[in-house]
Amino acid sequence: MSTTSIYPPFRLKERNEGQIQVLMKSKAVRVIFNSEVTRIEPDQVILKEQSGAVHTLPNDFVFIFAGGELPAEFLNRIGVKLRTEDVKV
């Protein structure tokens, strides 16, 4: 299993927080708190911590969780390609 980074906006539901804690302890994910995505490129994401530290992380996919309703029209307008069916890994 590869290491994955997640960047929560920090309003986690209790159940999700528990699951993330388990994944962090097992080193299945690396969580970088207090950070923001500054750039998304075809094969990497750049984020910056509040401390000023910058991380360049390789990636294959970017998932956007922006509220309860997917802003599909906006994302399409800015050139983001959406795939709404399940992705088999």
N, C-alpha and C. Protein backbone atom coordinates (compact mmCIF):
# COMPACT_ATOMS: atom_id res chain seq x y z
N MET A 1 0.84 -1.18 0.00
CA MET A 1 0.00 0.00 0.00
C MET A 1 0.89 1.24 0.00
N SER A 2 0.61 2.16 -0.90
CA SER A 2 1.42 3.36 -0.97
C SER A 2 0.91 4.39 0.04
N THR A 3 1.78 5.31 0.38
CA THR A 3 1.42 6.37 1.31
C THR A 3 0.66 7.45 0.55
N THR A 4 -0.41 7.94 1.14
CA THR A 4 -1.25 8.96 0.55
C THR A 4 -1.33 10.13 1.50
N SER A 5 -1.41 11.32 0.98
CA SER A 5 -1.55 12.50 1.82
C SER A 5 -2.96 13.05 1.68
N ILE A 6 -3.51 13.49 2.79
CA ILE A 6 -4.83 14.13 2.77
C ILE A 6 -4.73 15.46 3.47
N TYR A 7 -5.61 16.37 3.11
CA TYR A 7 -5.55 17.72 3.63
C TYR A 7 -6.94 18.13 4.06
N PRO A 8 -7.37 17.77 5.26
CA PRO A 8 -8.75 18.07 5.65
C PRO A 8 -8.95 19.55 5.93
N PRO A 9 -10.14 20.05 5.57
CA PRO A 9 -10.48 21.43 5.93
C PRO A 9 -10.76 21.55 7.41
N PHE A 10 -10.82 20.52 8.10
CA PHE A 10 -10.93 20.33 9.53
C PHE A 10 -12.29 20.54 10.11
N ARG A 11 -13.26 19.90 9.52
CA ARG A 11 -14.57 19.72 10.13
C ARG A 11 -14.90 18.26 9.97
N LEU A 12 -14.09 17.42 10.57
CA LEU A 12 -14.25 15.98 10.41
C LEU A 12 -15.38 15.46 11.29
N LYS A 13 -16.14 14.54 10.73
CA LYS A 13 -17.13 13.83 11.54
C LYS A 13 -16.36 12.86 12.42
N GLU A 14 -16.92 12.58 13.59
CA GLU A 14 -16.23 11.74 14.57
C GLU A 14 -15.81 10.40 13.97
N ARG A 15 -16.71 9.77 13.20
CA ARG A 15 -16.39 8.47 12.59
C ARG A 15 -15.21 8.60 11.62
N ASN A 16 -15.20 9.66 10.82
CA ASN A 16 -14.11 9.86 9.87
C ASN A 16 -12.79 10.14 10.59
N GLU A 17 -12.87 10.93 11.65
CA GLU A 17 -11.66 11.23 12.40
C GLU A 17 -11.05 9.96 12.98
N GLY A 18 -11.90 9.08 13.49
CA GLY A 18 -11.42 7.80 14.02
C GLY A 18 -10.75 6.96 12.95
N GLN A 19 -11.35 6.92 11.77
CA GLN A 19 -10.77 6.15 10.66
C GLN A 19 -9.43 6.74 10.23
N ILE A 20 -9.34 8.07 10.18
CA ILE A 20 -8.09 8.70 9.80
C ILE A 20 -7.01 8.43 10.84
N GLN A 21 -7.38 8.48 12.12
CA GLN A 21 -6.40 8.20 13.18
C GLN A 21 -5.83 6.79 13.03
N VAL A 22 -6.69 5.81 12.72
CA VAL A 22 -6.23 4.43 12.51
C VAL A 22 -5.27 4.37 11.33
N LEU A 23 -5.62 5.03 10.23
CA LEU A 23 -4.76 5.03 9.04
C LEU A 23 -3.44 5.74 9.30
N MET A 24 -3.46 6.82 10.08
CA MET A 24 -2.23 7.51 10.42
C MET A 24 -1.31 6.61 11.25
N LYS A 25 -1.89 5.94 12.24
CA LYS A 25 -1.09 5.07 13.10
C LYS A 25 -0.47 3.91 12.33
N SER A 26 -1.20 3.41 11.32
CA SER A 26 -0.69 2.30 10.52
C SER A 26 0.22 2.79 9.38
N LYS A 27 0.40 4.11 9.29
CA LYS A 27 1.21 4.75 8.26
C LYS A 27 0.68 4.50 6.85
N ALA A 28 -0.62 4.26 6.74
CA ALA A 28 -1.26 4.10 5.43
C ALA A 28 -1.48 5.45 4.77
N VAL A 29 -1.59 6.51 5.58
CA VAL A 29 -1.72 7.87 5.07
C VAL A 29 -0.80 8.79 5.85
N ARG A 30 -0.41 9.84 5.20
CA ARG A 30 0.34 10.90 5.87
C ARG A 30 -0.55 12.13 5.81
N VAL A 31 -0.84 12.70 6.95
CA VAL A 31 -1.73 13.86 7.02
C VAL A 31 -0.89 15.10 7.24
N ILE A 32 -1.15 16.11 6.44
CA ILE A 32 -0.45 17.39 6.60
C ILE A 32 -1.51 18.42 6.97
N PHE A 33 -1.61 18.70 8.27
CA PHE A 33 -2.61 19.63 8.78
C PHE A 33 -2.17 21.07 8.52
N ASN A 34 -3.12 21.98 8.63
CA ASN A 34 -2.84 23.42 8.50
C ASN A 34 -2.07 23.73 7.23
N SER A 35 -2.59 23.21 6.12
CA SER A 35 -1.94 23.43 4.84
C SER A 35 -2.99 23.76 3.78
N GLU A 36 -2.52 24.29 2.67
CA GLU A 36 -3.43 24.59 1.57
C GLU A 36 -2.75 24.23 0.25
N VAL A 37 -3.55 23.80 -0.69
CA VAL A 37 -3.05 23.50 -2.02
C VAL A 37 -2.79 24.82 -2.72
N THR A 38 -1.56 25.01 -3.21
CA THR A 38 -1.24 26.25 -3.92
C THR A 38 -1.21 26.04 -5.43
N ARG A 39 -1.00 24.79 -5.87
CA ARG A 39 -0.97 24.52 -7.31
C ARG A 39 -1.24 23.04 -7.55
N ILE A 40 -2.00 22.76 -8.60
CA ILE A 40 -2.24 21.38 -9.04
C ILE A 40 -1.66 21.28 -10.44
N GLU A 41 -0.74 20.35 -10.64
CA GLU A 41 -0.12 20.11 -11.93
C GLU A 41 -0.49 18.71 -12.39
N PRO A 42 -0.21 18.36 -13.65
CA PRO A 42 -0.64 17.05 -14.17
C PRO A 42 -0.16 15.85 -13.34
N ASP A 43 1.02 15.94 -12.74
CA ASP A 43 1.55 14.79 -12.01
C ASP A 43 2.01 15.10 -10.60
N GLN A 44 1.66 16.29 -10.10
CA GLN A 44 2.04 16.65 -8.73
C GLN A 44 1.15 17.76 -8.20
N VAL A 45 1.15 17.85 -6.87
CA VAL A 45 0.40 18.90 -6.17
C VAL A 45 1.38 19.62 -5.27
N ILE A 46 1.28 20.94 -5.23
CA ILE A 46 2.14 21.74 -4.36
C ILE A 46 1.27 22.26 -3.23
N LEU A 47 1.72 22.05 -1.98
CA LEU A 47 1.00 22.65 -0.87
C LEU A 47 1.92 23.35 0.07
N LYS A 48 1.31 24.28 0.80
CA LYS A 48 2.07 25.11 1.71
C LYS A 48 1.43 25.05 3.08
N GLU A 49 2.27 24.78 4.08
CA GLU A 49 1.81 24.77 5.46
C GLU A 49 1.77 26.20 5.99
N GLN A 50 1.01 26.39 7.06
CA GLN A 50 0.95 27.73 7.68
C GLN A 50 2.33 28.18 8.12
N SER A 51 3.20 27.22 8.44
CA SER A 51 4.56 27.56 8.87
C SER A 51 5.42 28.08 7.73
N GLY A 52 4.93 27.92 6.48
CA GLY A 52 5.69 28.35 5.31
C GLY A 52 6.36 27.19 4.58
N ALA A 53 6.42 26.01 5.20
CA ALA A 53 7.02 24.85 4.54
C ALA A 53 6.21 24.49 3.30
N VAL A 54 6.90 24.17 2.22
CA VAL A 54 6.27 23.82 0.96
C VAL A 54 6.54 22.36 0.65
N HIS A 55 5.51 21.64 0.21
CA HIS A 55 5.63 20.23 -0.14
C HIS A 55 5.22 20.04 -1.58
N THR A 56 6.02 19.32 -2.34
CA THR A 56 5.68 18.91 -3.70
C THR A 56 5.42 17.42 -3.64
N LEU A 57 4.17 17.04 -3.92
CA LEU A 57 3.75 15.65 -3.77
C LEU A 57 3.33 15.08 -5.12
N PRO A 58 3.90 13.93 -5.50
CA PRO A 58 3.46 13.30 -6.74
C PRO A 58 2.03 12.81 -6.59
N ASN A 59 1.25 12.84 -7.67
CA ASN A 59 -0.12 12.34 -7.60
C ASN A 59 -0.60 11.88 -8.96
N ASP A 60 -1.59 11.01 -8.93
CA ASP A 60 -2.25 10.53 -10.14
C ASP A 60 -3.63 11.15 -10.27
N PHE A 61 -4.29 11.41 -9.14
CA PHE A 61 -5.65 11.94 -9.13
C PHE A 61 -5.76 13.02 -8.08
N VAL A 62 -6.67 13.95 -8.30
CA VAL A 62 -7.00 14.96 -7.30
C VAL A 62 -8.49 14.86 -7.05
N PHE A 63 -8.87 14.72 -5.80
CA PHE A 63 -10.27 14.67 -5.41
C PHE A 63 -10.63 16.01 -4.78
N ILE A 64 -11.73 16.59 -5.21
CA ILE A 64 -12.18 17.87 -4.67
C ILE A 64 -13.43 17.63 -3.85
N PHE A 65 -13.36 17.96 -2.58
CA PHE A 65 -14.51 17.86 -1.69
C PHE A 65 -14.83 19.29 -1.27
N ALA A 66 -15.72 19.91 -2.02
CA ALA A 66 -15.99 21.33 -1.82
C ALA A 66 -17.46 21.53 -1.47
N GLY A 67 -17.84 21.10 -0.31
CA GLY A 67 -19.22 21.28 0.12
C GLY A 67 -20.10 20.09 -0.23
N GLY A 68 -21.38 20.25 -0.02
CA GLY A 68 -22.31 19.15 -0.19
C GLY A 68 -22.74 18.90 -1.61
N GLU A 69 -22.52 19.85 -2.49
CA GLU A 69 -22.96 19.70 -3.87
C GLU A 69 -21.78 19.96 -4.80
N LEU A 70 -21.55 19.04 -5.73
CA LEU A 70 -20.43 19.17 -6.65
C LEU A 70 -20.63 20.39 -7.56
N PRO A 71 -19.65 21.31 -7.60
CA PRO A 71 -19.77 22.48 -8.48
C PRO A 71 -19.34 22.14 -9.91
N ALA A 72 -20.05 21.18 -10.53
CA ALA A 72 -19.65 20.63 -11.82
C ALA A 72 -19.56 21.70 -12.91
N GLU A 73 -20.54 22.58 -12.97
CA GLU A 73 -20.53 23.61 -14.02
C GLU A 73 -19.29 24.50 -13.89
N PHE A 74 -18.99 24.94 -12.68
CA PHE A 74 -17.81 25.77 -12.45
C PHE A 74 -16.54 25.01 -12.82
N LEU A 75 -16.42 23.77 -12.35
CA LEU A 75 -15.21 22.98 -12.62
C LEU A 75 -15.03 22.76 -14.12
N ASN A 76 -16.10 22.48 -14.83
CA ASN A 76 -16.02 22.32 -16.28
C ASN A 76 -15.56 23.61 -16.96
N ARG A 77 -16.08 24.75 -16.49
CA ARG A 77 -15.70 26.04 -17.09
C ARG A 77 -14.21 26.33 -16.94
N ILE A 78 -13.62 25.90 -15.83
CA ILE A 78 -12.19 26.18 -15.62
C ILE A 78 -11.30 25.06 -16.15
N GLY A 79 -11.92 24.08 -16.85
CA GLY A 79 -11.14 23.05 -17.52
C GLY A 79 -10.88 21.78 -16.74
N VAL A 80 -11.56 21.60 -15.62
CA VAL A 80 -11.38 20.38 -14.83
C VAL A 80 -12.26 19.30 -15.42
N LYS A 81 -11.65 18.16 -15.75
CA LYS A 81 -12.41 17.04 -16.29
C LYS A 81 -12.96 16.23 -15.13
N LEU A 82 -14.23 15.92 -15.18
CA LEU A 82 -14.89 15.18 -14.12
C LEU A 82 -15.18 13.75 -14.55
N ARG A 83 -14.99 12.84 -13.62
CA ARG A 83 -15.39 11.46 -13.84
C ARG A 83 -16.24 11.09 -12.64
N THR A 84 -17.50 10.82 -12.87
CA THR A 84 -18.40 10.58 -11.74
C THR A 84 -18.66 9.12 -11.47
N GLU A 85 -18.28 8.22 -12.37
CA GLU A 85 -18.47 6.81 -12.09
C GLU A 85 -17.35 6.30 -11.18
N ASP A 86 -17.57 5.12 -10.58
CA ASP A 86 -16.58 4.55 -9.68
C ASP A 86 -15.28 4.27 -10.43
N VAL A 87 -14.17 4.52 -9.78
CA VAL A 87 -12.85 4.26 -10.35
C VAL A 87 -12.33 2.98 -9.72
N LYS A 88 -11.99 2.00 -10.53
CA LYS A 88 -11.44 0.74 -10.03
C LYS A 88 -9.93 0.90 -9.86
N VAL A 89 -9.44 0.55 -8.69
CA VAL A 89 -8.00 0.68 -8.41
C VAL A 89 -7.35 -0.67 -8.42
